[in-house]
Amino acid sequence: MQNCIFCKIIAGEIPSRKVFEDERILVIEDVTPQAPLHLLLIPKKHYANCLDMDAQDDEVTGYIFRKAGEIARLKGVDQSGFRIVQNNGAGVGQSVFHIHFHLLAGRSFSWPPG
């Protein structure tokens, strides 16, 4: 996607603080963290949000959740707990229209969120 900031980060056109990368996803530190640990798990394939996905994309979401668990263990937040958030639409806080998942940890979170 031409003007997508995450596509530009994935392409290496914009620097980021990479935590993990492979052929399917990129994991980076959020530039405006909302918790002591705030990472973004971003599929390399562009989808505006989950409404753009179909059955052939099922594997990537499972992979992202498994990778989030692995990273939580590596970062030492698996026992204290962490939250995974994915927003769909500006009305609920999506500001970059390339699907991504927030992994947040290191502080207390209330329920319901928002």
PDB file of N, CA and C in Angstrom:
ATOM      1  N   MET A   1       0.861  -1.179   0.000  1.00  0.00           N
ATOM      2  CA  MET A   1       0.000   0.000   0.000  1.00  0.00           C
ATOM      3  C   MET A   1       0.896   1.226   0.000  1.00  0.00           C
ATOM      4  N   GLN A   2       0.666   2.129  -0.887  1.00  0.00           N
ATOM      5  CA  GLN A   2       1.557   3.239  -1.187  1.00  0.00           C
ATOM      6  C   GLN A   2       1.829   4.190  -0.012  1.00  0.00           C
ATOM      7  N   ASN A   3       0.817   4.647   0.688  1.00  0.00           N
ATOM      8  CA  ASN A   3       1.012   5.630   1.755  1.00  0.00           C
ATOM      9  C   ASN A   3       0.904   5.043   3.152  1.00  0.00           C
ATOM     10  N   CYS A   4       1.000   3.754   3.284  1.00  0.00           N
ATOM     11  CA  CYS A   4       0.862   3.090   4.587  1.00  0.00           C
ATOM     12  C   CYS A   4       2.191   3.136   5.349  1.00  0.00           C
ATOM     13  N   ILE A   5       2.163   3.721   6.531  1.00  0.00           N
ATOM     14  CA  ILE A   5       3.384   3.837   7.328  1.00  0.00           C
ATOM     15  C   ILE A   5       3.940   2.465   7.702  1.00  0.00           C
ATOM     16  N   PHE A   6       3.061   1.493   7.996  1.00  0.00           N
ATOM     17  CA  PHE A   6       3.568   0.170   8.359  1.00  0.00           C
ATOM     18  C   PHE A   6       4.173  -0.538   7.151  1.00  0.00           C
ATOM     19  N   CYS A   7       3.596  -0.354   5.973  1.00  0.00           N
ATOM     20  CA  CYS A   7       4.205  -0.921   4.764  1.00  0.00           C
ATOM     21  C   CYS A   7       5.586  -0.323   4.529  1.00  0.00           C
ATOM     22  N   LYS A   8       5.739   0.964   4.812  1.00  0.00           N
ATOM     23  CA  LYS A   8       7.040   1.616   4.657  1.00  0.00           C
ATOM     24  C   LYS A   8       8.038   1.112   5.697  1.00  0.00           C
ATOM     25  N   ILE A   9       7.579   0.860   6.920  1.00  0.00           N
ATOM     26  CA  ILE A   9       8.451   0.287   7.949  1.00  0.00           C
ATOM     27  C   ILE A   9       8.870  -1.120   7.536  1.00  0.00           C
ATOM     28  N   ILE A  10       7.929  -1.931   7.082  1.00  0.00           N
ATOM     29  CA  ILE A  10       8.223  -3.291   6.636  1.00  0.00           C
ATOM     30  C   ILE A  10       9.237  -3.271   5.494  1.00  0.00           C
ATOM     31  N   ALA A  11       9.110  -2.317   4.575  1.00  0.00           N
ATOM     32  CA  ALA A  11      10.017  -2.207   3.432  1.00  0.00           C
ATOM     33  C   ALA A  11      11.378  -1.626   3.813  1.00  0.00           C
ATOM     34  N   GLY A  12      11.530  -1.167   5.053  1.00  0.00           N
ATOM     35  CA  GLY A  12      12.789  -0.584   5.492  1.00  0.00           C
ATOM     36  C   GLY A  12      12.953   0.874   5.124  1.00  0.00           C
ATOM     37  N   GLU A  13      11.890   1.506   4.658  1.00  0.00           N
ATOM     38  CA  GLU A  13      11.948   2.924   4.274  1.00  0.00           C
ATOM     39  C   GLU A  13      11.876   3.856   5.483  1.00  0.00           C
ATOM     40  N   ILE A  14      11.328   3.363   6.568  1.00  0.00           N
ATOM     41  CA  ILE A  14      11.218   4.119   7.818  1.00  0.00           C
ATOM     42  C   ILE A  14      11.850   3.254   8.907  1.00  0.00           C
ATOM     43  N   PRO A  15      12.757   3.821   9.711  1.00  0.00           N
ATOM     44  CA  PRO A  15      13.390   3.012  10.757  1.00  0.00           C
ATOM     45  C   PRO A  15      12.403   2.638  11.864  1.00  0.00           C
ATOM     46  N   SER A  16      12.689   1.523  12.517  1.00  0.00           N
ATOM     47  CA  SER A  16      11.882   1.068  13.645  1.00  0.00           C
ATOM     48  C   SER A  16      12.789   0.324  14.610  1.00  0.00           C
ATOM     49  N   ARG A  17      12.258   0.086  15.791  1.00  0.00           N
ATOM     50  CA  ARG A  17      12.982  -0.707  16.790  1.00  0.00           C
ATOM     51  C   ARG A  17      12.422  -2.131  16.723  1.00  0.00           C
ATOM     52  N   LYS A  18      13.070  -2.942  15.914  1.00  0.00           N
ATOM     53  CA  LYS A  18      12.601  -4.312  15.670  1.00  0.00           C
ATOM     54  C   LYS A  18      12.866  -5.208  16.866  1.00  0.00           C
ATOM     55  N   VAL A  19      11.865  -6.024  17.164  1.00  0.00           N
ATOM     56  CA  VAL A  19      11.966  -7.036  18.195  1.00  0.00           C
ATOM     57  C   VAL A  19      12.070  -8.414  17.545  1.00  0.00           C
ATOM     58  N   PHE A  20      11.361  -8.591  16.438  1.00  0.00           N
ATOM     59  CA  PHE A  20      11.333  -9.870  15.725  1.00  0.00           C
ATOM     60  C   PHE A  20      10.903  -9.600  14.295  1.00  0.00           C
ATOM     61  N   GLU A  21      11.425 -10.415  13.373  1.00  0.00           N
ATOM     62  CA  GLU A  21      10.984 -10.336  11.990  1.00  0.00           C
ATOM     63  C   GLU A  21      11.226 -11.673  11.314  1.00  0.00           C
ATOM     64  N   ASP A  22      10.270 -12.076  10.512  1.00  0.00           N
ATOM     65  CA  ASP A  22      10.432 -13.216   9.626  1.00  0.00           C
ATOM     66  C   ASP A  22       9.675 -12.926   8.339  1.00  0.00           C
ATOM     67  N   GLU A  23       9.419 -13.939   7.539  1.00  0.00           N
ATOM     68  CA  GLU A  23       8.775 -13.704   6.244  1.00  0.00           C
ATOM     69  C   GLU A  23       7.299 -13.319   6.366  1.00  0.00           C
ATOM     70  N   ARG A  24       6.678 -13.565   7.530  1.00  0.00           N
ATOM     71  CA  ARG A  24       5.245 -13.305   7.693  1.00  0.00           C
ATOM     72  C   ARG A  24       4.904 -12.048   8.479  1.00  0.00           C
ATOM     73  N   ILE A  25       5.684 -11.773   9.526  1.00  0.00           N
ATOM     74  CA  ILE A  25       5.337 -10.651  10.410  1.00  0.00           C
ATOM     75  C   ILE A  25       6.564  -9.848  10.806  1.00  0.00           C
ATOM     76  N   LEU A  26       6.296  -8.639  11.279  1.00  0.00           N
ATOM     77  CA  LEU A  26       7.294  -7.767  11.877  1.00  0.00           C
ATOM     78  C   LEU A  26       6.763  -7.379  13.250  1.00  0.00           C
ATOM     79  N   VAL A  27       7.631  -7.436  14.262  1.00  0.00           N
ATOM     80  CA  VAL A  27       7.269  -6.996  15.609  1.00  0.00           C
ATOM     81  C   VAL A  27       8.207  -5.852  15.968  1.00  0.00           C
ATOM     82  N   ILE A  28       7.598  -4.719  16.335  1.00  0.00           N
ATOM     83  CA  ILE A  28       8.381  -3.526  16.665  1.00  0.00           C
ATOM     84  C   ILE A  28       7.884  -2.924  17.983  1.00  0.00           C
ATOM     85  N   GLU A  29       8.740  -2.093  18.576  1.00  0.00           N
ATOM     86  CA  GLU A  29       8.320  -1.319  19.736  1.00  0.00           C
ATOM     87  C   GLU A  29       7.433  -0.179  19.268  1.00  0.00           C
ATOM     88  N   ASP A  30       6.365   0.087  20.000  1.00  0.00           N
ATOM     89  CA  ASP A  30       5.485   1.218  19.681  1.00  0.00           C
ATOM     90  C   ASP A  30       6.215   2.521  19.999  1.00  0.00           C
ATOM     91  N   VAL A  31       6.123   3.501  19.112  1.00  0.00           N
ATOM     92  CA  VAL A  31       6.805   4.784  19.332  1.00  0.00           C
ATOM     93  C   VAL A  31       6.102   5.659  20.364  1.00  0.00           C
ATOM     94  N   THR A  32       4.846   5.351  20.671  1.00  0.00           N
ATOM     95  CA  THR A  32       4.120   6.061  21.729  1.00  0.00           C
ATOM     96  C   THR A  32       3.550   5.018  22.693  1.00  0.00           C
ATOM     97  N   PRO A  33       4.418   4.403  23.495  1.00  0.00           N
ATOM     98  CA  PRO A  33       3.973   3.287  24.337  1.00  0.00           C
ATOM     99  C   PRO A  33       2.923   3.690  25.366  1.00  0.00           C
ATOM    100  N   GLN A  34       1.957   2.796  25.536  1.00  0.00           N
ATOM    101  CA  GLN A  34       0.888   2.987  26.513  1.00  0.00           C
ATOM    102  C   GLN A  34       1.081   2.094  27.732  1.00  0.00           C
ATOM    103  N   ALA A  35       2.206   1.380  27.780  1.00  0.00           N
ATOM    104  CA  ALA A  35       2.553   0.497  28.887  1.00  0.00           C
ATOM    105  C   ALA A  35       4.069   0.316  28.861  1.00  0.00           C
ATOM    106  N   PRO A  36       4.660  -0.123  29.965  1.00  0.00           N
ATOM    107  CA  PRO A  36       6.107  -0.354  29.970  1.00  0.00           C
ATOM    108  C   PRO A  36       6.577  -1.271  28.826  1.00  0.00           C
ATOM    109  N   LEU A  37       5.770  -2.267  28.483  1.00  0.00           N
ATOM    110  CA  LEU A  37       6.028  -3.073  27.292  1.00  0.00           C
ATOM    111  C   LEU A  37       4.863  -2.840  26.344  1.00  0.00           C
ATOM    112  N   HIS A  38       5.167  -2.296  25.173  1.00  0.00           N
ATOM    113  CA  HIS A  38       4.129  -2.047  24.163  1.00  0.00           C
ATOM    114  C   HIS A  38       4.742  -2.341  22.808  1.00  0.00           C
ATOM    115  N   LEU A  39       4.383  -3.494  22.266  1.00  0.00           N
ATOM    116  CA  LEU A  39       4.891  -3.939  20.983  1.00  0.00           C
ATOM    117  C   LEU A  39       3.760  -4.005  19.974  1.00  0.00           C
ATOM    118  N   LEU A  40       4.110  -3.860  18.706  1.00  0.00           N
ATOM    119  CA  LEU A  40       3.154  -4.002  17.610  1.00  0.00           C
ATOM    120  C   LEU A  40       3.543  -5.222  16.791  1.00  0.00           C
ATOM    121  N   LEU A  41       2.596  -6.130  16.612  1.00  0.00           N
ATOM    122  CA  LEU A  41       2.790  -7.307  15.774  1.00  0.00           C
ATOM    123  C   LEU A  41       2.048  -7.042  14.472  1.00  0.00           C
ATOM    124  N   ILE A  42       2.794  -6.954  13.377  1.00  0.00           N
ATOM    125  CA  ILE A  42       2.257  -6.475  12.112  1.00  0.00           C
ATOM    126  C   ILE A  42       2.446  -7.524  11.026  1.00  0.00           C
ATOM    127  N   PRO A  43       1.358  -8.014  10.423  1.00  0.00           N
ATOM    128  CA  PRO A  43       1.530  -8.895   9.266  1.00  0.00           C
ATOM    129  C   PRO A  43       2.186  -8.128   8.121  1.00  0.00           C
ATOM    130  N   LYS A  44       3.029  -8.792   7.381  1.00  0.00           N
ATOM    131  CA  LYS A  44       3.674  -8.116   6.250  1.00  0.00           C
ATOM    132  C   LYS A  44       2.707  -7.905   5.091  1.00  0.00           C
ATOM    133  N   LYS A  45       1.707  -8.758   4.973  1.00  0.00           N
ATOM    134  CA  LYS A  45       0.683  -8.541   3.962  1.00  0.00           C
ATOM    135  C   LYS A  45      -0.237  -7.431   4.456  1.00  0.00           C
ATOM    136  N   HIS A  46      -0.581  -6.506   3.573  1.00  0.00           N
ATOM    137  CA  HIS A  46      -1.413  -5.373   3.967  1.00  0.00           C
ATOM    138  C   HIS A  46      -2.895  -5.760   3.983  1.00  0.00           C
ATOM    139  N   TYR A  47      -3.509  -5.517   5.123  1.00  0.00           N
ATOM    140  CA  TYR A  47      -4.956  -5.571   5.302  1.00  0.00           C
ATOM    141  C   TYR A  47      -5.287  -4.285   6.065  1.00  0.00           C
ATOM    142  N   ALA A  48      -6.319  -3.574   5.702  1.00  0.00           N
ATOM    143  CA  ALA A  48      -6.689  -2.374   6.455  1.00  0.00           C
ATOM    144  C   ALA A  48      -7.071  -2.756   7.888  1.00  0.00           C
ATOM    145  N   ASN A  49      -7.853  -3.800   8.041  1.00  0.00           N
ATOM    146  CA  ASN A  49      -8.226  -4.336   9.355  1.00  0.00           C
ATOM    147  C   ASN A  49      -8.789  -5.732   9.132  1.00  0.00           C
ATOM    148  N   CYS A  50      -9.396  -6.330  10.150  1.00  0.00           N
ATOM    149  CA  CYS A  50      -9.843  -7.725  10.019  1.00  0.00           C
ATOM    150  C   CYS A  50     -10.973  -7.885   9.004  1.00  0.00           C
ATOM    151  N   LEU A  51     -11.627  -6.802   8.654  1.00  0.00           N
ATOM    152  CA  LEU A  51     -12.697  -6.886   7.659  1.00  0.00           C
ATOM    153  C   LEU A  51     -12.155  -7.171   6.258  1.00  0.00           C
ATOM    154  N   ASP A  52     -10.859  -6.945   6.050  1.00  0.00           N
ATOM    155  CA  ASP A  52     -10.219  -7.219   4.762  1.00  0.00           C
ATOM    156  C   ASP A  52      -9.727  -8.659   4.640  1.00  0.00           C
ATOM    157  N   MET A  53      -9.805  -9.413   5.723  1.00  0.00           N
ATOM    158  CA  MET A  53      -9.264 -10.769   5.725  1.00  0.00           C
ATOM    159  C   MET A  53     -10.332 -11.770   5.306  1.00  0.00           C
ATOM    160  N   ASP A  54      -9.878 -12.898   4.769  1.00  0.00           N
ATOM    161  CA  ASP A  54     -10.815 -13.980   4.458  1.00  0.00           C
ATOM    162  C   ASP A  54     -10.208 -15.302   4.908  1.00  0.00           C
ATOM    163  N   ALA A  55     -10.836 -16.409   4.571  1.00  0.00           N
ATOM    164  CA  ALA A  55     -10.437 -17.720   5.078  1.00  0.00           C
ATOM    165  C   ALA A  55      -8.974 -18.050   4.793  1.00  0.00           C
ATOM    166  N   GLN A  56      -8.451 -17.605   3.682  1.00  0.00           N
ATOM    167  CA  GLN A  56      -7.057 -17.910   3.361  1.00  0.00           C
ATOM    168  C   GLN A  56      -6.079 -17.197   4.294  1.00  0.00           C
ATOM    169  N   ASP A  57      -6.557 -16.240   5.070  1.00  0.00           N
ATOM    170  CA  ASP A  57      -5.713 -15.486   5.993  1.00  0.00           C
ATOM    171  C   ASP A  57      -5.787 -16.000   7.431  1.00  0.00           C
ATOM    172  N   ASP A  58      -6.529 -17.076   7.667  1.00  0.00           N
ATOM    173  CA  ASP A  58      -6.698 -17.592   9.024  1.00  0.00           C
ATOM    174  C   ASP A  58      -5.366 -17.933   9.688  1.00  0.00           C
ATOM    175  N   GLU A  59      -4.447 -18.466   8.938  1.00  0.00           N
ATOM    176  CA  GLU A  59      -3.176 -18.919   9.504  1.00  0.00           C
ATOM    177  C   GLU A  59      -2.386 -17.772  10.118  1.00  0.00           C
ATOM    178  N   VAL A  60      -2.406 -16.609   9.496  1.00  0.00           N
ATOM    179  CA  VAL A  60      -1.572 -15.509   9.986  1.00  0.00           C
ATOM    180  C   VAL A  60      -2.013 -15.036  11.368  1.00  0.00           C
ATOM    181  N   THR A  61      -3.301 -15.030  11.651  1.00  0.00           N
ATOM    182  CA  THR A  61      -3.745 -14.572  12.963  1.00  0.00           C
ATOM    183  C   THR A  61      -3.340 -15.563  14.059  1.00  0.00           C
ATOM    184  N   GLY A  62      -3.463 -16.845  13.791  1.00  0.00           N
ATOM    185  CA  GLY A  62      -3.001 -17.837  14.757  1.00  0.00           C
ATOM    186  C   GLY A  62      -1.511 -17.722  15.002  1.00  0.00           C
ATOM    187  N   TYR A  63      -0.759 -17.507  13.938  1.00  0.00           N
ATOM    188  CA  TYR A  63       0.687 -17.348  14.052  1.00  0.00           C
ATOM    189  C   TYR A  63       1.028 -16.131  14.906  1.00  0.00           C
ATOM    190  N   ILE A  64       0.319 -15.033  14.703  1.00  0.00           N
ATOM    191  CA  ILE A  64       0.577 -13.818  15.476  1.00  0.00           C
ATOM    192  C   ILE A  64       0.328 -14.060  16.963  1.00  0.00           C
ATOM    193  N   PHE A  65      -0.759 -14.736  17.291  1.00  0.00           N
ATOM    194  CA  PHE A  65      -1.044 -14.998  18.706  1.00  0.00           C
ATOM    195  C   PHE A  65      -0.007 -15.931  19.319  1.00  0.00           C
ATOM    196  N   ARG A  66       0.434 -16.933  18.593  1.00  0.00           N
ATOM    197  CA  ARG A  66       1.469 -17.833  19.111  1.00  0.00           C
ATOM    198  C   ARG A  66       2.772 -17.065  19.304  1.00  0.00           C
ATOM    199  N   LYS A  67       3.123 -16.234  18.339  1.00  0.00           N
ATOM    200  CA  LYS A  67       4.355 -15.444  18.439  1.00  0.00           C
ATOM    201  C   LYS A  67       4.255 -14.450  19.595  1.00  0.00           C
ATOM    202  N   ALA A  68       3.078 -13.875  19.830  1.00  0.00           N
ATOM    203  CA  ALA A  68       2.896 -12.963  20.968  1.00  0.00           C
ATOM    204  C   ALA A  68       3.196 -13.680  22.277  1.00  0.00           C
ATOM    205  N   GLY A  69       2.741 -14.914  22.403  1.00  0.00           N
ATOM    206  CA  GLY A  69       3.034 -15.691  23.605  1.00  0.00           C
ATOM    207  C   GLY A  69       4.513 -15.957  23.769  1.00  0.00           C
ATOM    208  N   GLU A  70       5.185 -16.303  22.687  1.00  0.00           N
ATOM    209  CA  GLU A  70       6.636 -16.533  22.737  1.00  0.00           C
ATOM    210  C   GLU A  70       7.372 -15.269  23.169  1.00  0.00           C
ATOM    211  N   ILE A  71       6.996 -14.144  22.606  1.00  0.00           N
ATOM    212  CA  ILE A  71       7.649 -12.876  22.945  1.00  0.00           C
ATOM    213  C   ILE A  71       7.350 -12.493  24.393  1.00  0.00           C
ATOM    214  N   ALA A  72       6.118 -12.720  24.852  1.00  0.00           N
ATOM    215  CA  ALA A  72       5.774 -12.439  26.249  1.00  0.00           C
ATOM    216  C   ALA A  72       6.666 -13.246  27.189  1.00  0.00           C
ATOM    217  N   ARG A  73       6.899 -14.510  26.860  1.00  0.00           N
ATOM    218  CA  ARG A  73       7.806 -15.328  27.677  1.00  0.00           C
ATOM    219  C   ARG A  73       9.220 -14.751  27.660  1.00  0.00           C
ATOM    220  N   LEU A  74       9.713 -14.405  26.475  1.00  0.00           N
ATOM    221  CA  LEU A  74      11.065 -13.847  26.351  1.00  0.00           C
ATOM    222  C   LEU A  74      11.227 -12.538  27.112  1.00  0.00           C
ATOM    223  N   LYS A  75      10.172 -11.739  27.134  1.00  0.00           N
ATOM    224  CA  LYS A  75      10.208 -10.440  27.818  1.00  0.00           C
ATOM    225  C   LYS A  75       9.894 -10.562  29.310  1.00  0.00           C
ATOM    226  N   GLY A  76       9.545 -11.768  29.765  1.00  0.00           N
ATOM    227  CA  GLY A  76       9.301 -11.999  31.182  1.00  0.00           C
ATOM    228  C   GLY A  76       7.969 -11.509  31.704  1.00  0.00           C
ATOM    229  N   VAL A  77       6.970 -11.387  30.824  1.00  0.00           N
ATOM    230  CA  VAL A  77       5.653 -10.926  31.268  1.00  0.00           C
ATOM    231  C   VAL A  77       4.595 -12.025  31.182  1.00  0.00           C
ATOM    232  N   ASP A  78       5.011 -13.238  30.886  1.00  0.00           N
ATOM    233  CA  ASP A  78       4.053 -14.332  30.748  1.00  0.00           C
ATOM    234  C   ASP A  78       3.370 -14.670  32.067  1.00  0.00           C
ATOM    235  N   GLN A  79       4.056 -14.541  33.171  1.00  0.00           N
ATOM    236  CA  GLN A  79       3.460 -14.874  34.466  1.00  0.00           C
ATOM    237  C   GLN A  79       2.639 -13.720  35.042  1.00  0.00           C
ATOM    238  N   SER A  80       3.078 -12.494  34.832  1.00  0.00           N
ATOM    239  CA  SER A  80       2.359 -11.339  35.380  1.00  0.00           C
ATOM    240  C   SER A  80       1.152 -10.960  34.528  1.00  0.00           C
ATOM    241  N   GLY A  81       1.159 -11.361  33.266  1.00  0.00           N
ATOM    242  CA  GLY A  81       0.036 -11.130  32.380  1.00  0.00           C
ATOM    243  C   GLY A  81       0.303 -10.066  31.335  1.00  0.00           C
ATOM    244  N   PHE A  82      -0.423 -10.164  30.248  1.00  0.00           N
ATOM    245  CA  PHE A  82      -0.288  -9.216  29.146  1.00  0.00           C
ATOM    246  C   PHE A  82      -1.607  -9.156  28.415  1.00  0.00           C
ATOM    247  N   ARG A  83      -1.761  -8.122  27.623  1.00  0.00           N
ATOM    248  CA  ARG A  83      -2.983  -7.916  26.864  1.00  0.00           C
ATOM    249  C   ARG A  83      -2.622  -7.810  25.385  1.00  0.00           C
ATOM    250  N   ILE A  84      -3.489  -8.380  24.530  1.00  0.00           N
ATOM    251  CA  ILE A  84      -3.356  -8.245  23.088  1.00  0.00           C
ATOM    252  C   ILE A  84      -4.599  -7.520  22.596  1.00  0.00           C
ATOM    253  N   VAL A  85      -4.390  -6.427  21.842  1.00  0.00           N
ATOM    254  CA  VAL A  85      -5.489  -5.579  21.376  1.00  0.00           C
ATOM    255  C   VAL A  85      -5.378  -5.410  19.874  1.00  0.00           C
ATOM    256  N   GLN A  86      -6.526  -5.449  19.205  1.00  0.00           N
ATOM    257  CA  GLN A  86      -6.577  -5.166  17.766  1.00  0.00           C
ATOM    258  C   GLN A  86      -7.814  -4.321  17.520  1.00  0.00           C
ATOM    259  N   ASN A  87      -7.625  -3.115  16.994  1.00  0.00           N
ATOM    260  CA  ASN A  87      -8.724  -2.178  16.753  1.00  0.00           C
ATOM    261  C   ASN A  87      -9.153  -2.218  15.287  1.00  0.00           C
ATOM    262  N   ASN A  88     -10.443  -2.045  15.047  1.00  0.00           N
ATOM    263  CA  ASN A  88     -11.003  -2.035  13.690  1.00  0.00           C
ATOM    264  C   ASN A  88     -11.838  -0.792  13.494  1.00  0.00           C
ATOM    265  N   GLY A  89     -11.227   0.253  12.922  1.00  0.00           N
ATOM    266  CA  GLY A  89     -11.947   1.485  12.628  1.00  0.00           C
ATOM    267  C   GLY A  89     -11.529   2.639  13.510  1.00  0.00           C
ATOM    268  N   ALA A  90     -11.620   3.820  12.949  1.00  0.00           N
ATOM    269  CA  ALA A  90     -11.210   5.035  13.656  1.00  0.00           C
ATOM    270  C   ALA A  90     -12.021   5.264  14.929  1.00  0.00           C
ATOM    271  N   GLY A  91     -13.285   4.880  14.923  1.00  0.00           N
ATOM    272  CA  GLY A  91     -14.152   5.099  16.072  1.00  0.00           C
ATOM    273  C   GLY A  91     -13.738   4.353  17.325  1.00  0.00           C
ATOM    274  N   VAL A  92     -12.895   3.332  17.178  1.00  0.00           N
ATOM    275  CA  VAL A  92     -12.419   2.579  18.341  1.00  0.00           C
ATOM    276  C   VAL A  92     -10.915   2.722  18.542  1.00  0.00           C
ATOM    277  N   GLY A  93     -10.313   3.664  17.841  1.00  0.00           N
ATOM    278  CA  GLY A  93      -8.913   3.969  18.086  1.00  0.00           C
ATOM    279  C   GLY A  93      -7.914   3.533  17.034  1.00  0.00           C
ATOM    280  N   GLN A  94      -8.368   2.914  15.943  1.00  0.00           N
ATOM    281  CA  GLN A  94      -7.405   2.536  14.908  1.00  0.00           C
ATOM    282  C   GLN A  94      -6.917   3.795  14.213  1.00  0.00           C
ATOM    283  N   SER A  95      -5.602   4.012  14.245  1.00  0.00           N
ATOM    284  CA  SER A  95      -5.040   5.209  13.616  1.00  0.00           C
ATOM    285  C   SER A  95      -4.166   4.881  12.409  1.00  0.00           C
ATOM    286  N   VAL A  96      -3.672   3.651  12.334  1.00  0.00           N
ATOM    287  CA  VAL A  96      -2.926   3.185  11.161  1.00  0.00           C
ATOM    288  C   VAL A  96      -3.753   2.075  10.533  1.00  0.00           C
ATOM    289  N   PHE A  97      -4.131   2.249   9.294  1.00  0.00           N
ATOM    290  CA  PHE A  97      -5.036   1.303   8.646  1.00  0.00           C
ATOM    291  C   PHE A  97      -4.276   0.217   7.899  1.00  0.00           C
ATOM    292  N   HIS A  98      -3.482  -0.491   8.679  1.00  0.00           N
ATOM    293  CA  HIS A  98      -2.800  -1.736   8.325  1.00  0.00           C
ATOM    294  C   HIS A  98      -2.958  -2.577   9.576  1.00  0.00           C
ATOM    295  N   ILE A  99      -3.656  -3.692   9.476  1.00  0.00           N
ATOM    296  CA  ILE A  99      -3.959  -4.467  10.681  1.00  0.00           C
ATOM    297  C   ILE A  99      -2.694  -4.704  11.499  1.00  0.00           C
ATOM    298  N   HIS A 100      -2.832  -4.561  12.802  1.00  0.00           N
ATOM    299  CA  HIS A 100      -1.726  -4.803  13.723  1.00  0.00           C
ATOM    300  C   HIS A 100      -2.306  -5.119  15.094  1.00  0.00           C
ATOM    301  N   PHE A 101      -1.504  -5.782  15.882  1.00  0.00           N
ATOM    302  CA  PHE A 101      -1.910  -6.226  17.201  1.00  0.00           C
ATOM    303  C   PHE A 101      -0.967  -5.597  18.217  1.00  0.00           C
ATOM    304  N   HIS A 102      -1.531  -5.015  19.261  1.00  0.00           N
ATOM    305  CA  HIS A 102      -0.746  -4.419  20.341  1.00  0.00           C
ATOM    306  C   HIS A 102      -0.541  -5.474  21.421  1.00  0.00           C
ATOM    307  N   LEU A 103       0.689  -5.682  21.828  1.00  0.00           N
ATOM    308  CA  LEU A 103       1.000  -6.515  22.982  1.00  0.00           C
ATOM    309  C   LEU A 103       1.411  -5.550  24.085  1.00  0.00           C
ATOM    310  N   LEU A 104       0.621  -5.498  25.142  1.00  0.00           N
ATOM    311  CA  LEU A 104       0.824  -4.549  26.236  1.00  0.00           C
ATOM    312  C   LEU A 104       1.038  -5.300  27.545  1.00  0.00           C
ATOM    313  N   ALA A 105       1.999  -4.835  28.341  1.00  0.00           N
ATOM    314  CA  ALA A 105       2.260  -5.475  29.634  1.00  0.00           C
ATOM    315  C   ALA A 105       3.061  -4.528  30.515  1.00  0.00           C
ATOM    316  N   GLY A 106       3.157  -4.899  31.782  1.00  0.00           N
ATOM    317  CA  GLY A 106       4.007  -4.154  32.704  1.00  0.00           C
ATOM    318  C   GLY A 106       3.279  -3.162  33.583  1.00  0.00           C
ATOM    319  N   ARG A 107       1.967  -3.127  33.507  1.00  0.00           N
ATOM    320  CA  ARG A 107       1.157  -2.280  34.386  1.00  0.00           C
ATOM    321  C   ARG A 107      -0.216  -2.919  34.531  1.00  0.00           C
ATOM    322  N   SER A 108      -1.002  -2.391  35.459  1.00  0.00           N
ATOM    323  CA  SER A 108      -2.367  -2.890  35.634  1.00  0.00           C
ATOM    324  C   SER A 108      -3.264  -2.352  34.522  1.00  0.00           C
ATOM    325  N   PHE A 109      -4.199  -3.161  34.098  1.00  0.00           N
ATOM    326  CA  PHE A 109      -5.177  -2.777  33.085  1.00  0.00           C
ATOM    327  C   PHE A 109      -6.566  -2.944  33.680  1.00  0.00           C
ATOM    328  N   SER A 110      -7.450  -2.018  33.356  1.00  0.00           N
ATOM    329  CA  SER A 110      -8.809  -2.123  33.878  1.00  0.00           C
ATOM    330  C   SER A 110      -9.700  -2.857  32.878  1.00  0.00           C
ATOM    331  N   TRP A 111     -10.876  -3.231  33.347  1.00  0.00           N
ATOM    332  CA  TRP A 111     -11.876  -3.863  32.496  1.00  0.00           C
ATOM    333  C   TRP A 111     -13.210  -3.239  32.804  1.00  0.00           C
ATOM    334  N   PRO A 112     -13.992  -2.853  31.865  1.00  0.00           N
ATOM    335  CA  PRO A 112     -13.737  -2.979  30.435  1.00  0.00           C
ATOM    336  C   PRO A 112     -12.721  -1.942  29.978  1.00  0.00           C
ATOM    337  N   PRO A 113     -11.995  -2.252  28.900  1.00  0.00           N
ATOM    338  CA  PRO A 113     -11.031  -1.289  28.381  1.00  0.00           C
ATOM    339  C   PRO A 113     -11.730  -0.089  27.758  1.00  0.00           C
ATOM    340  N   GLY A 114     -10.974   0.971  27.560  1.00  0.00           N
ATOM    341  CA  GLY A 114     -11.505   2.160  26.896  1.00  0.00           C
ATOM    342  C   GLY A 114     -12.208   3.034  27.840  1.00  0.00           C
TER     343      GLY A 114
END
